[in-house]
N, C-alpha and C. Protein backbone atom coordinates (compact mmCIF):
# COMPACT_ATOMS: atom_id res chain seq x y z
N UNK A 1 -72.21 103.16 30.15
CA UNK A 1 -71.70 102.09 30.97
C UNK A 1 -70.59 102.61 31.90
N UNK A 2 -69.65 103.37 31.35
CA UNK A 2 -68.57 103.92 32.17
C UNK A 2 -69.12 104.92 33.19
N UNK A 3 -69.98 105.81 32.73
CA UNK A 3 -70.56 106.81 33.65
C UNK A 3 -71.37 106.14 34.75
N UNK A 4 -72.10 105.10 34.41
CA UNK A 4 -72.90 104.39 35.41
C UNK A 4 -72.00 103.76 36.48
N UNK A 5 -70.76 103.46 36.13
CA UNK A 5 -69.80 102.89 37.07
C UNK A 5 -68.96 103.98 37.73
N UNK A 6 -69.34 105.25 37.54
CA UNK A 6 -68.61 106.41 38.08
C UNK A 6 -67.18 106.50 37.56
N UNK A 7 -67.01 106.14 36.29
CA UNK A 7 -65.72 106.27 35.64
C UNK A 7 -65.83 107.30 34.52
N UNK A 8 -64.78 108.10 34.37
CA UNK A 8 -64.77 109.06 33.26
C UNK A 8 -64.70 108.31 31.93
N UNK A 9 -65.32 108.88 30.95
CA UNK A 9 -65.28 108.31 29.61
C UNK A 9 -64.03 108.84 28.91
N UNK A 10 -63.10 107.93 28.63
CA UNK A 10 -61.86 108.29 27.93
C UNK A 10 -61.68 107.37 26.73
N UNK A 11 -60.89 107.82 25.77
CA UNK A 11 -60.64 106.99 24.59
C UNK A 11 -60.00 105.65 24.96
N UNK A 12 -58.98 105.62 25.85
CA UNK A 12 -58.40 104.32 26.20
C UNK A 12 -59.42 103.39 26.87
N UNK A 13 -60.26 103.91 27.74
CA UNK A 13 -61.26 103.05 28.40
C UNK A 13 -62.25 102.50 27.38
N UNK A 14 -62.71 103.35 26.48
CA UNK A 14 -63.63 102.88 25.43
C UNK A 14 -62.95 101.85 24.54
N UNK A 15 -61.69 102.09 24.19
CA UNK A 15 -60.97 101.15 23.32
C UNK A 15 -60.77 99.81 24.00
N UNK A 16 -60.42 99.81 25.28
CA UNK A 16 -60.21 98.55 26.00
C UNK A 16 -61.54 97.80 26.13
N UNK A 17 -62.60 98.51 26.49
CA UNK A 17 -63.92 97.86 26.59
C UNK A 17 -64.31 97.22 25.27
N UNK A 18 -64.16 97.95 24.19
CA UNK A 18 -64.52 97.44 22.86
C UNK A 18 -63.65 96.24 22.50
N UNK A 19 -62.36 96.33 22.78
CA UNK A 19 -61.43 95.25 22.45
C UNK A 19 -61.77 93.98 23.21
N UNK A 20 -62.03 94.10 24.50
CA UNK A 20 -62.36 92.91 25.30
C UNK A 20 -63.71 92.34 24.87
N UNK A 21 -64.66 93.22 24.57
CA UNK A 21 -65.97 92.75 24.10
C UNK A 21 -65.83 91.97 22.80
N UNK A 22 -64.98 92.45 21.89
CA UNK A 22 -64.81 91.81 20.59
C UNK A 22 -63.86 90.61 20.63
N UNK A 23 -63.07 90.48 21.71
CA UNK A 23 -62.07 89.41 21.81
C UNK A 23 -62.12 88.79 23.20
N UNK A 24 -63.20 88.08 23.51
CA UNK A 24 -63.30 87.49 24.85
C UNK A 24 -62.15 86.55 25.14
N UNK A 25 -61.67 86.61 26.37
CA UNK A 25 -60.60 85.76 26.87
C UNK A 25 -59.23 86.14 26.33
N UNK A 26 -59.10 87.37 25.80
CA UNK A 26 -57.80 87.84 25.33
C UNK A 26 -56.90 88.12 26.53
N UNK A 27 -55.59 87.88 26.34
CA UNK A 27 -54.66 88.21 27.40
C UNK A 27 -54.23 89.67 27.27
N UNK A 28 -53.50 90.15 28.25
CA UNK A 28 -53.14 91.57 28.30
C UNK A 28 -52.32 91.99 27.09
N UNK A 29 -51.36 91.17 26.67
CA UNK A 29 -50.54 91.54 25.51
C UNK A 29 -51.37 91.69 24.25
N UNK A 30 -52.32 90.78 24.04
CA UNK A 30 -53.19 90.88 22.87
C UNK A 30 -54.06 92.14 22.95
N UNK A 31 -54.56 92.44 24.15
CA UNK A 31 -55.38 93.63 24.32
C UNK A 31 -54.56 94.88 24.02
N UNK A 32 -53.33 94.94 24.53
CA UNK A 32 -52.46 96.09 24.27
C UNK A 32 -52.26 96.27 22.77
N UNK A 33 -51.93 95.20 22.07
CA UNK A 33 -51.69 95.29 20.62
C UNK A 33 -52.94 95.77 19.87
N UNK A 34 -54.09 95.23 20.22
CA UNK A 34 -55.33 95.60 19.54
C UNK A 34 -55.72 97.05 19.85
N UNK A 35 -55.53 97.47 21.09
CA UNK A 35 -55.84 98.86 21.45
C UNK A 35 -54.89 99.80 20.71
N UNK A 36 -53.62 99.44 20.65
CA UNK A 36 -52.65 100.28 19.91
C UNK A 36 -52.99 100.37 18.43
N UNK A 37 -53.48 99.27 17.86
CA UNK A 37 -53.88 99.30 16.45
C UNK A 37 -54.98 100.34 16.23
N UNK A 38 -55.87 100.48 17.21
CA UNK A 38 -56.97 101.43 17.06
C UNK A 38 -56.65 102.84 17.50
N UNK A 39 -55.84 102.99 18.55
CA UNK A 39 -55.57 104.32 19.11
C UNK A 39 -54.19 104.87 18.77
N UNK A 40 -53.29 104.03 18.42
CA UNK A 40 -51.92 104.50 18.23
C UNK A 40 -51.14 104.42 19.52
N UNK A 41 -50.50 105.50 19.90
CA UNK A 41 -49.61 105.52 21.05
C UNK A 41 -50.30 105.46 22.39
N UNK A 42 -50.45 104.28 22.92
CA UNK A 42 -50.96 104.10 24.28
C UNK A 42 -49.97 103.18 25.00
N UNK A 43 -49.62 103.54 26.21
CA UNK A 43 -48.59 102.78 26.93
C UNK A 43 -49.15 101.49 27.51
N UNK A 44 -48.22 100.56 27.78
CA UNK A 44 -48.60 99.33 28.47
C UNK A 44 -49.27 99.67 29.79
N UNK A 45 -48.66 100.59 30.53
CA UNK A 45 -49.19 100.93 31.85
C UNK A 45 -50.60 101.50 31.76
N UNK A 46 -50.88 102.29 30.73
CA UNK A 46 -52.22 102.85 30.58
C UNK A 46 -53.25 101.73 30.39
N UNK A 47 -52.91 100.73 29.59
CA UNK A 47 -53.84 99.62 29.36
C UNK A 47 -53.99 98.80 30.64
N UNK A 48 -52.89 98.53 31.34
CA UNK A 48 -52.98 97.82 32.62
C UNK A 48 -53.87 98.57 33.59
N UNK A 49 -53.70 99.90 33.67
CA UNK A 49 -54.51 100.71 34.59
C UNK A 49 -55.99 100.67 34.21
N UNK A 50 -56.27 100.75 32.91
CA UNK A 50 -57.66 100.69 32.45
C UNK A 50 -58.26 99.32 32.76
N UNK A 51 -57.53 98.25 32.49
CA UNK A 51 -58.03 96.91 32.80
C UNK A 51 -58.33 96.77 34.29
N UNK A 52 -57.46 97.29 35.13
CA UNK A 52 -57.67 97.22 36.58
C UNK A 52 -58.91 98.02 36.99
N UNK A 53 -59.06 99.22 36.44
CA UNK A 53 -60.21 100.06 36.79
C UNK A 53 -61.52 99.44 36.32
N UNK A 54 -61.53 98.91 35.10
CA UNK A 54 -62.76 98.31 34.57
C UNK A 54 -63.12 97.02 35.30
N UNK A 55 -62.11 96.27 35.72
CA UNK A 55 -62.36 95.06 36.50
C UNK A 55 -62.88 95.41 37.88
N UNK A 56 -62.26 96.39 38.53
CA UNK A 56 -62.71 96.82 39.86
C UNK A 56 -64.13 97.36 39.82
N UNK A 57 -64.50 98.00 38.72
CA UNK A 57 -65.84 98.56 38.57
C UNK A 57 -66.87 97.50 38.18
N UNK A 58 -66.43 96.28 37.91
CA UNK A 58 -67.35 95.21 37.54
C UNK A 58 -67.75 95.21 36.08
N UNK A 59 -67.03 95.97 35.24
CA UNK A 59 -67.36 96.01 33.82
C UNK A 59 -66.63 94.92 33.04
N UNK A 60 -65.55 94.41 33.60
CA UNK A 60 -64.80 93.30 33.02
C UNK A 60 -64.57 92.26 34.09
N UNK A 61 -64.31 91.05 33.66
CA UNK A 61 -63.96 89.96 34.57
C UNK A 61 -62.58 89.45 34.18
N UNK A 62 -61.74 89.27 35.17
CA UNK A 62 -60.39 88.74 34.97
C UNK A 62 -60.40 87.28 35.36
N UNK A 63 -59.88 86.44 34.47
CA UNK A 63 -59.74 85.02 34.78
C UNK A 63 -58.29 84.64 34.55
N UNK A 64 -57.83 83.61 35.24
CA UNK A 64 -56.46 83.16 35.05
C UNK A 64 -56.38 81.66 35.28
N UNK A 65 -56.68 80.88 34.22
CA UNK A 65 -56.55 79.43 34.35
C UNK A 65 -55.10 79.07 34.68
N UNK A 66 -54.92 77.99 35.41
CA UNK A 66 -53.60 77.51 35.81
C UNK A 66 -52.67 77.44 34.61
N UNK A 67 -51.51 78.04 34.73
CA UNK A 67 -50.52 78.01 33.67
C UNK A 67 -50.75 79.00 32.55
N UNK A 68 -51.70 79.89 32.72
CA UNK A 68 -52.05 80.85 31.68
C UNK A 68 -51.86 82.27 32.19
N UNK A 69 -51.64 83.19 31.28
CA UNK A 69 -51.62 84.61 31.63
C UNK A 69 -53.05 85.04 31.97
N UNK A 70 -53.16 86.14 32.69
CA UNK A 70 -54.49 86.68 33.00
C UNK A 70 -55.20 87.01 31.70
N UNK A 71 -56.49 86.75 31.69
CA UNK A 71 -57.33 87.01 30.52
C UNK A 71 -58.55 87.78 30.98
N UNK A 72 -59.18 88.47 30.05
CA UNK A 72 -60.31 89.34 30.39
C UNK A 72 -61.50 89.05 29.50
N UNK A 73 -62.67 89.24 30.07
CA UNK A 73 -63.91 89.08 29.32
C UNK A 73 -64.92 90.13 29.77
N UNK A 74 -65.86 90.43 28.90
CA UNK A 74 -66.88 91.41 29.23
C UNK A 74 -68.16 90.76 29.72
N UNK A 75 -68.21 89.45 29.74
CA UNK A 75 -69.39 88.74 30.25
C UNK A 75 -69.30 88.73 31.78
N UNK A 76 -70.04 89.61 32.40
CA UNK A 76 -70.03 89.76 33.85
C UNK A 76 -71.46 89.68 34.36
N UNK A 77 -71.61 89.50 35.66
CA UNK A 77 -72.94 89.54 36.26
C UNK A 77 -73.70 88.23 36.21
N UNK A 78 -73.08 87.20 35.69
CA UNK A 78 -73.71 85.88 35.73
C UNK A 78 -72.68 84.91 36.28
N UNK A 79 -73.12 83.74 36.59
CA UNK A 79 -72.20 82.76 37.14
C UNK A 79 -71.93 81.70 36.08
N UNK A 80 -71.02 82.03 35.17
CA UNK A 80 -70.64 81.05 34.15
C UNK A 80 -69.22 80.58 34.42
N UNK A 81 -68.85 79.53 33.74
CA UNK A 81 -67.55 78.91 33.94
C UNK A 81 -66.79 78.88 32.62
N UNK A 82 -65.68 78.18 32.60
CA UNK A 82 -64.84 78.12 31.41
C UNK A 82 -64.34 76.71 31.16
N UNK A 83 -64.09 76.43 29.88
CA UNK A 83 -63.45 75.18 29.49
C UNK A 83 -62.17 75.58 28.75
N UNK A 84 -61.06 74.93 29.10
CA UNK A 84 -59.75 75.29 28.57
C UNK A 84 -59.15 74.07 27.88
N UNK A 85 -58.63 74.30 26.68
CA UNK A 85 -57.95 73.23 25.95
C UNK A 85 -56.55 73.06 26.51
N UNK A 86 -56.23 71.83 26.88
CA UNK A 86 -54.90 71.52 27.42
C UNK A 86 -53.81 71.65 26.36
N UNK A 87 -54.17 71.54 25.09
CA UNK A 87 -53.16 71.57 24.03
C UNK A 87 -52.87 72.98 23.54
N UNK A 88 -53.90 73.70 23.12
CA UNK A 88 -53.68 75.01 22.49
C UNK A 88 -54.03 76.19 23.38
N UNK A 89 -54.70 75.93 24.51
CA UNK A 89 -55.04 77.01 25.43
C UNK A 89 -56.32 77.75 25.10
N UNK A 90 -57.05 77.32 24.08
CA UNK A 90 -58.32 77.98 23.74
C UNK A 90 -59.26 77.93 24.94
N UNK A 91 -60.06 78.99 25.11
CA UNK A 91 -60.98 79.08 26.23
C UNK A 91 -62.38 79.38 25.70
N UNK A 92 -63.38 78.71 26.25
CA UNK A 92 -64.77 78.95 25.89
C UNK A 92 -65.59 79.08 27.16
N UNK A 93 -66.68 79.83 27.07
CA UNK A 93 -67.62 79.96 28.18
C UNK A 93 -68.50 78.73 28.29
N UNK A 94 -68.84 78.37 29.53
CA UNK A 94 -69.74 77.26 29.80
C UNK A 94 -70.74 77.74 30.84
N UNK A 95 -72.03 77.66 30.52
CA UNK A 95 -73.05 78.01 31.50
C UNK A 95 -73.13 76.92 32.56
N UNK A 96 -73.70 77.27 33.71
CA UNK A 96 -73.90 76.25 34.76
C UNK A 96 -74.70 75.10 34.18
N UNK A 97 -74.36 73.89 34.59
CA UNK A 97 -74.95 72.69 34.01
C UNK A 97 -76.42 72.52 34.37
N UNK A 98 -76.78 72.82 35.61
CA UNK A 98 -78.15 72.57 36.07
C UNK A 98 -78.61 73.74 36.90
N UNK A 99 -79.81 74.21 36.67
CA UNK A 99 -80.37 75.25 37.52
C UNK A 99 -79.67 76.57 37.36
N UNK A 100 -79.98 77.48 38.27
CA UNK A 100 -79.45 78.84 38.18
C UNK A 100 -77.98 78.92 38.59
N UNK A 101 -77.66 78.54 39.81
CA UNK A 101 -76.28 78.60 40.28
C UNK A 101 -76.00 77.44 41.25
N UNK A 102 -76.10 76.20 40.77
CA UNK A 102 -75.95 75.07 41.67
C UNK A 102 -74.57 74.99 42.33
N UNK A 103 -73.56 75.49 41.65
CA UNK A 103 -72.22 75.40 42.21
C UNK A 103 -72.01 76.36 43.37
N UNK A 104 -72.97 77.26 43.61
CA UNK A 104 -72.84 78.18 44.74
C UNK A 104 -73.30 77.54 46.04
N UNK A 105 -73.80 76.32 45.97
CA UNK A 105 -74.19 75.59 47.18
C UNK A 105 -73.03 74.67 47.54
N UNK A 106 -72.13 75.20 48.35
CA UNK A 106 -70.94 74.44 48.73
C UNK A 106 -71.30 73.41 49.79
N UNK A 107 -70.55 72.32 49.80
CA UNK A 107 -70.80 71.29 50.82
C UNK A 107 -70.48 71.83 52.21
N UNK A 108 -69.55 72.77 52.31
CA UNK A 108 -69.23 73.43 53.58
C UNK A 108 -68.84 74.86 53.27
N UNK A 109 -69.50 75.83 53.88
CA UNK A 109 -69.23 77.24 53.56
C UNK A 109 -68.28 77.91 54.55
N UNK A 110 -67.96 77.26 55.66
CA UNK A 110 -66.99 77.76 56.63
C UNK A 110 -67.31 79.18 57.09
N UNK A 111 -68.58 79.56 57.07
CA UNK A 111 -69.00 80.89 57.51
C UNK A 111 -68.94 81.96 56.45
N UNK A 112 -68.49 81.62 55.25
CA UNK A 112 -68.40 82.60 54.16
C UNK A 112 -69.79 82.84 53.57
N UNK A 113 -70.02 84.05 53.09
CA UNK A 113 -71.21 84.38 52.30
C UNK A 113 -70.78 84.23 50.83
N UNK A 114 -71.02 83.08 50.25
CA UNK A 114 -70.54 82.77 48.90
C UNK A 114 -71.39 83.50 47.87
N UNK A 115 -70.71 84.21 46.94
CA UNK A 115 -71.44 84.92 45.89
C UNK A 115 -70.96 84.57 44.48
N UNK A 116 -69.91 83.74 44.39
CA UNK A 116 -69.41 83.36 43.08
C UNK A 116 -68.62 82.07 43.21
N UNK A 117 -68.67 81.26 42.17
CA UNK A 117 -67.87 80.04 42.11
C UNK A 117 -67.09 80.07 40.81
N UNK A 118 -65.85 79.63 40.87
CA UNK A 118 -65.02 79.58 39.67
C UNK A 118 -64.72 78.12 39.36
N UNK A 119 -65.30 77.66 38.28
CA UNK A 119 -65.11 76.28 37.84
C UNK A 119 -64.42 76.32 36.49
N UNK A 120 -63.38 75.53 36.34
CA UNK A 120 -62.69 75.44 35.06
C UNK A 120 -62.67 73.98 34.65
N UNK A 121 -63.22 73.72 33.49
CA UNK A 121 -63.18 72.38 32.91
C UNK A 121 -61.95 72.32 32.01
N UNK A 122 -61.27 71.19 32.01
CA UNK A 122 -60.07 71.01 31.19
C UNK A 122 -60.29 69.86 30.23
N UNK A 123 -59.76 69.98 29.04
CA UNK A 123 -59.86 68.93 28.04
C UNK A 123 -59.13 69.34 26.78
N UNK A 124 -59.55 68.79 25.66
CA UNK A 124 -58.97 69.16 24.37
C UNK A 124 -60.08 69.66 23.47
N UNK A 125 -59.82 70.79 22.81
CA UNK A 125 -60.80 71.37 21.90
C UNK A 125 -60.98 70.44 20.70
N UNK A 126 -62.03 70.64 19.90
CA UNK A 126 -62.25 69.76 18.74
C UNK A 126 -61.06 69.70 17.78
N UNK A 127 -60.42 70.84 17.51
CA UNK A 127 -59.28 70.83 16.58
C UNK A 127 -58.13 70.01 17.13
N UNK A 128 -57.81 70.19 18.41
CA UNK A 128 -56.70 69.45 19.02
C UNK A 128 -57.04 67.97 19.20
N UNK A 129 -58.31 67.67 19.47
CA UNK A 129 -58.73 66.27 19.61
C UNK A 129 -58.58 65.54 18.28
N UNK A 130 -58.94 66.20 17.20
CA UNK A 130 -58.83 65.62 15.87
C UNK A 130 -57.37 65.41 15.50
N UNK A 131 -56.53 66.41 15.81
CA UNK A 131 -55.10 66.33 15.48
C UNK A 131 -54.41 65.23 16.28
N UNK A 132 -54.87 64.97 17.50
CA UNK A 132 -54.24 63.97 18.36
C UNK A 132 -54.76 62.56 18.11
N UNK A 133 -55.86 62.43 17.38
CA UNK A 133 -56.44 61.10 17.14
C UNK A 133 -55.49 60.26 16.29
N UNK A 134 -55.35 58.97 16.63
CA UNK A 134 -54.46 58.10 15.83
C UNK A 134 -55.04 57.92 14.43
N UNK A 135 -54.16 57.80 13.48
CA UNK A 135 -54.55 57.60 12.08
C UNK A 135 -54.96 56.14 11.90
N UNK A 136 -56.24 55.87 11.51
CA UNK A 136 -56.69 54.48 11.37
C UNK A 136 -56.10 53.78 10.16
N UNK A 137 -55.53 54.54 9.21
CA UNK A 137 -54.93 53.98 8.00
C UNK A 137 -53.46 54.32 7.92
N UNK A 138 -52.62 53.63 8.67
CA UNK A 138 -51.17 53.97 8.68
C UNK A 138 -50.49 53.70 7.38
């Protein structure tokens, strides 16, 4: 995968790829901690550089819902969206609702050649919805 993207195969790159694959939607701090658990002494800057290189090469996708730190996922090459819990910040993938890529048909394209749409659904996850529900037996 790295060689196909014209990137050298290094332990930090492999560790970051594996970490993001195993922990979709992890933020940078979580990725750094998990990579350090596996590799030992790796700097913050090294992980930031690897994340930037893998994202630029199209091997990772960076998302940043409003009010959230940047997060990374290894699900690339498709047009999927995300749902974010307003209470706890949990994030889940959501496939396009209808057809292949209906959201890529904008009502007005302003001359742009559109190749991706970013849709974020907001709500409360099942755990937070249950916790917020009023108690029927006070």
